[in-house]
Amino acid sequence: MTQAMLQVKDLHAYYGKSHVLRGVDMEIMPGEVIALLGRNGVGRSTTAKAIMGEVTPRGEVLFKGEPIAGLESHKIARMGLGYVPESRDIFPSMTVRQNLVLGVKDMRNPGKYSIDEMLDMFPNLRARADNPAGVLSGGEKQMLTMCRTLMGDPELIIIDEPTEGLAPKIVQQIGDMIAEIAKTGVAILLVEQKLSIALRIAHRVYVMGHGEIVYSGTPAEFAERDDVRAEWLEV
């Protein structure tokens, strides 16, 4: 039986006295794309941060069978778990190329992607490869953040709200990029508001409400659940 790439069991997290995550359970199999859906404020981004060690978790988080709850973020990343935060954290004074170099986990043993391959994937980035990353548009910064994460050769990537605030044309490009990443066998946990993007890419869907998982199923099954969308997604 194939072991889950990521297992989250009874995950709790707090901001001060605020109990944000209230027993989240989920799992991701190797090469699987999971869409984590829900209204703003229900705990989706906190789930990503708790898995990555940016928020102190209570509960069990296993990556390839190894416990990672409570580890420092850089140690989790070195185990093969990539993270693309909603904040699109780049180094604005460094060039696009230098930002990509920072993503390489081991310069002596590069991963499956090279800098040239990343720049070929996004001609906009190649045209600005030697410019400071701070001059990029919002969509280009998102592309750069995702490319830099891929440079670390992750086996699973958590991508938090990649299309937030982007123009429709760029949204389509980001969706296409995530689909291409999935084709390489990298597992993905996608936190996304836009159902058209999430359901096009995902193998399975989790819906969050009030800090816990309230529904799970395939995109086809989810499409039949008007009640779930009405109660937990529609405004």
Protein backbone atom coordinates (compact mmCIF):
# COMPACT_ATOMS: atom_id res chain seq x y z
CA MET A 1 0.00 0.00 0.00
CA THR A 2 1.39 3.40 -1.00
CA GLN A 3 2.31 5.64 1.91
CA ALA A 4 0.80 9.12 2.04
CA MET A 5 3.24 11.91 1.19
CA LEU A 6 1.67 14.15 3.85
CA GLN A 7 -0.61 13.21 6.74
CA VAL A 8 -2.22 15.78 9.02
CA LYS A 9 -4.03 14.42 12.08
CA ASP A 10 -6.02 16.41 14.63
CA LEU A 11 -4.11 19.61 13.85
CA HIS A 12 -4.77 22.59 16.10
CA ALA A 13 -3.25 26.07 15.97
CA TYR A 14 -3.72 29.32 17.86
CA TYR A 15 -3.05 33.01 17.38
CA GLY A 16 -2.77 34.15 20.97
CA LYS A 17 -5.97 32.96 22.62
CA SER A 18 -7.78 32.59 19.29
CA HIS A 19 -8.28 28.90 18.46
CA VAL A 20 -7.99 28.92 14.65
CA LEU A 21 -7.49 25.27 13.66
CA ARG A 22 -9.77 22.85 15.47
CA GLY A 23 -8.67 19.35 14.57
CA VAL A 24 -7.77 19.39 10.86
CA ASP A 25 -7.36 15.96 9.23
CA MET A 26 -6.10 15.48 5.68
CA GLU A 27 -3.68 13.45 3.62
CA ILE A 28 -1.94 13.85 0.27
CA MET A 29 -0.64 10.92 -1.74
CA PRO A 30 2.53 11.08 -3.90
CA GLY A 31 1.87 13.07 -7.07
CA GLU A 32 -1.62 14.09 -5.94
CA VAL A 33 -3.04 17.60 -6.29
CA ILE A 34 -5.33 18.66 -3.44
CA ALA A 35 -7.41 21.84 -3.51
CA LEU A 36 -8.11 23.33 -0.08
CA LEU A 37 -11.23 25.49 -0.40
CA GLY A 38 -13.17 27.71 1.96
CA ARG A 39 -14.13 31.27 2.72
CA ASN A 40 -11.53 33.79 3.86
CA GLY A 41 -10.71 33.46 7.54
CA VAL A 42 -11.60 29.80 8.03
CA GLY A 43 -8.01 28.66 8.55
CA ARG A 44 -6.71 27.57 5.15
CA SER A 45 -3.56 29.71 5.21
CA THR A 46 -3.03 28.88 8.88
CA THR A 47 -3.10 25.19 7.92
CA ALA A 48 -0.31 25.82 5.40
CA LYS A 49 1.71 27.79 7.95
CA ALA A 50 1.21 25.16 10.66
CA ILE A 51 2.44 22.40 8.32
CA MET A 52 5.49 24.49 7.40
CA GLY A 53 6.35 25.43 10.97
CA GLU A 54 5.51 29.13 10.66
CA VAL A 55 2.73 28.70 13.22
CA THR A 56 3.23 26.42 16.23
CA PRO A 57 0.98 23.38 15.67
CA ARG A 58 -0.59 20.94 18.08
CA GLY A 59 -1.33 17.55 16.61
CA GLU A 60 0.46 15.25 14.21
CA VAL A 61 2.04 16.17 10.87
CA LEU A 62 3.89 13.42 9.00
CA PHE A 63 5.89 14.01 5.82
CA LYS A 64 6.90 10.75 4.11
CA GLY A 65 6.16 9.04 7.41
CA GLU A 66 8.47 11.35 9.42
CA PRO A 67 7.03 13.66 12.12
CA ILE A 68 7.64 17.32 11.28
CA ALA A 69 5.27 19.15 13.64
CA GLY A 70 7.29 21.70 15.57
CA LEU A 71 10.40 21.57 13.36
CA GLU A 72 11.92 24.80 12.07
CA SER A 73 10.73 25.84 8.61
CA HIS A 74 14.13 25.53 6.93
CA LYS A 75 14.50 21.95 8.19
CA ILE A 76 11.07 21.05 6.82
CA ALA A 77 11.99 22.60 3.45
CA ARG A 78 15.22 20.59 3.29
CA MET A 79 13.19 17.39 3.73
CA GLY A 80 11.50 18.14 0.40
CA LEU A 81 8.44 20.21 1.28
CA GLY A 82 8.21 23.49 -0.68
CA TYR A 83 6.09 26.50 0.27
CA VAL A 84 4.83 29.38 -1.87
CA PRO A 85 3.31 31.88 0.58
CA GLU A 86 0.48 34.24 -0.25
CA SER A 87 2.82 37.16 0.53
CA ARG A 88 5.06 36.30 -2.48
CA ASP A 89 8.23 36.76 -0.45
CA ILE A 90 11.06 37.76 -2.77
CA PHE A 91 14.31 39.65 -2.27
CA PRO A 92 13.49 42.90 -4.10
CA SER A 93 17.03 44.30 -4.30
CA MET A 94 18.42 41.06 -5.77
CA THR A 95 18.03 40.18 -9.42
CA VAL A 96 15.53 37.64 -10.69
CA ARG A 97 18.40 35.25 -11.41
CA GLN A 98 19.86 35.68 -7.93
CA ASN A 99 16.46 34.98 -6.37
CA LEU A 100 16.33 31.71 -8.31
CA VAL A 101 19.83 30.74 -7.18
CA LEU A 102 18.73 31.17 -3.55
CA GLY A 103 16.13 28.45 -4.09
CA VAL A 104 18.70 25.76 -4.93
CA LYS A 105 18.94 23.30 -2.03
CA ASP A 106 22.35 21.87 -2.94
CA MET A 107 24.56 23.56 -5.55
CA ARG A 108 26.63 20.36 -5.87
CA ASN A 109 23.53 18.30 -6.62
CA PRO A 110 20.97 20.45 -8.49
CA GLY A 111 17.38 19.25 -8.76
CA LYS A 112 15.34 18.45 -11.82
CA TYR A 113 14.93 22.13 -12.78
CA SER A 114 17.67 24.49 -13.94
CA ILE A 115 17.55 28.28 -13.90
CA ASP A 116 17.43 28.33 -17.69
CA GLU A 117 14.43 25.97 -17.69
CA MET A 118 12.62 28.25 -15.24
CA LEU A 119 13.37 31.29 -17.41
CA ASP A 120 12.28 29.39 -20.54
CA MET A 121 8.97 28.57 -18.85
CA PHE A 122 8.34 32.27 -18.25
CA PRO A 123 9.75 34.55 -20.98
CA ASN A 124 8.73 37.58 -18.88
CA LEU A 125 11.18 36.49 -16.21
CA ARG A 126 13.94 35.86 -18.74
CA ALA A 127 13.53 39.39 -20.11
CA ARG A 128 14.06 40.71 -16.57
CA ALA A 129 16.54 38.06 -15.38
CA ASP A 130 19.20 40.63 -14.49
CA ASN A 131 16.84 43.28 -13.14
CA PRO A 132 16.00 43.74 -9.45
CA ALA A 133 13.05 41.53 -8.54
CA GLY A 134 11.36 44.48 -6.87
CA VAL A 135 10.45 45.97 -10.27
CA LEU A 136 8.36 42.94 -11.29
CA SER A 137 4.58 43.07 -11.54
CA GLY A 138 2.45 41.14 -9.04
CA GLY A 139 1.99 38.27 -11.47
CA GLU A 140 5.71 38.12 -12.27
CA LYS A 141 6.55 38.08 -8.56
CA GLN A 142 4.19 35.13 -8.14
CA MET A 143 5.88 33.30 -11.02
CA LEU A 144 9.29 34.02 -9.51
CA THR A 145 8.26 32.74 -6.09
CA MET A 146 6.94 29.50 -7.58
CA CYS A 147 10.04 29.05 -9.76
CA ARG A 148 12.35 29.66 -6.79
CA THR A 149 10.49 27.01 -4.80
CA LEU A 150 10.88 24.52 -7.66
CA MET A 151 14.63 25.16 -7.66
CA GLY A 152 14.72 23.39 -4.29
CA ASP A 153 13.50 20.18 -5.98
CA PRO A 154 10.52 19.61 -3.63
CA GLU A 155 8.42 16.46 -3.61
CA LEU A 156 5.39 18.39 -2.37
CA ILE A 157 4.57 22.08 -2.73
CA ILE A 158 2.08 24.06 -0.67
CA ILE A 159 0.84 26.99 -2.78
CA ASP A 160 -1.17 29.61 -0.89
CA GLU A 161 -3.58 31.80 -2.89
CA PRO A 162 -1.40 32.08 -6.01
CA THR A 163 -3.93 34.05 -8.08
CA GLU A 164 -4.99 36.58 -5.43
CA GLY A 165 -5.19 40.09 -6.91
CA LEU A 166 -3.94 39.10 -10.37
CA ALA A 167 -5.41 40.00 -13.77
CA PRO A 168 -7.44 37.25 -15.51
CA LYS A 169 -4.76 36.65 -18.15
CA ILE A 170 -2.11 36.14 -15.47
CA VAL A 171 -4.49 33.93 -13.47
CA GLN A 172 -4.71 31.62 -16.48
CA GLN A 173 -0.90 31.53 -16.79
CA ILE A 174 -0.48 30.67 -13.11
CA GLY A 175 -3.09 27.93 -13.42
CA ASP A 176 -1.28 26.50 -16.43
CA MET A 177 2.02 26.59 -14.54
CA ILE A 178 0.58 24.68 -11.59
CA ALA A 179 -0.86 22.10 -13.99
CA GLU A 180 2.58 21.69 -15.59
CA ILE A 181 4.21 21.25 -12.18
CA ALA A 182 1.68 18.54 -11.37
CA LYS A 183 2.59 16.66 -14.56
CA THR A 184 6.16 16.25 -13.27
CA GLY A 185 4.89 14.18 -10.34
CA VAL A 186 5.25 16.82 -7.64
CA ALA A 187 2.40 16.63 -5.12
CA ILE A 188 0.58 19.93 -4.55
CA LEU A 189 -1.59 21.36 -1.79
CA LEU A 190 -3.32 24.33 -3.44
CA VAL A 191 -5.06 26.92 -1.30
CA GLU A 192 -7.23 28.76 -3.81
CA GLN A 193 -10.41 30.83 -3.93
CA LYS A 194 -11.09 30.50 -7.65
CA LEU A 195 -12.98 27.26 -8.21
CA SER A 196 -12.29 27.27 -11.95
CA ILE A 197 -8.54 26.98 -11.29
CA ALA A 198 -8.75 24.62 -8.33
CA LEU A 199 -11.17 22.14 -9.88
CA ARG A 200 -9.34 22.05 -13.22
CA ILE A 201 -6.14 20.90 -11.54
CA ALA A 202 -7.15 18.97 -8.41
CA HIS A 203 -7.55 15.22 -7.96
CA ARG A 204 -9.40 15.75 -4.67
CA VAL A 205 -11.01 18.64 -2.81
CA TYR A 206 -11.08 19.51 0.88
CA VAL A 207 -13.45 22.23 2.12
CA MET A 208 -12.73 24.04 5.38
CA GLY A 209 -15.17 25.73 7.71
CA HIS A 210 -14.68 27.01 11.26
CA GLY A 211 -11.12 25.67 11.43
CA GLU A 212 -11.82 22.08 10.40
CA ILE A 213 -12.43 19.98 7.30
CA VAL A 214 -16.17 19.84 6.59
CA TYR A 215 -16.11 18.04 3.22
CA SER A 216 -13.79 15.95 1.06
CA GLY A 217 -14.32 14.36 -2.34
CA THR A 218 -13.32 14.41 -5.99
CA PRO A 219 -14.02 17.47 -8.16
CA ALA A 220 -16.80 15.50 -9.89
CA GLU A 221 -18.40 14.65 -6.55
CA PHE A 222 -18.00 18.22 -5.34
CA ALA A 223 -19.71 19.54 -8.49
CA GLU A 224 -22.86 17.69 -7.44
CA ARG A 225 -22.88 19.18 -3.94
CA ASP A 226 -24.75 22.45 -4.23
CA ASP A 227 -25.44 22.22 -0.49
CA VAL A 228 -21.73 22.22 0.38
CA ARG A 229 -21.02 25.22 -1.86
CA ALA A 230 -24.00 27.14 -0.48
CA GLU A 231 -23.11 26.53 3.16
CA TRP A 232 -19.34 26.78 3.12
CA LEU A 233 -18.20 28.72 0.03
CA GLU A 234 -20.79 31.13 -1.31
CA VAL A 235 -20.98 34.60 0.18
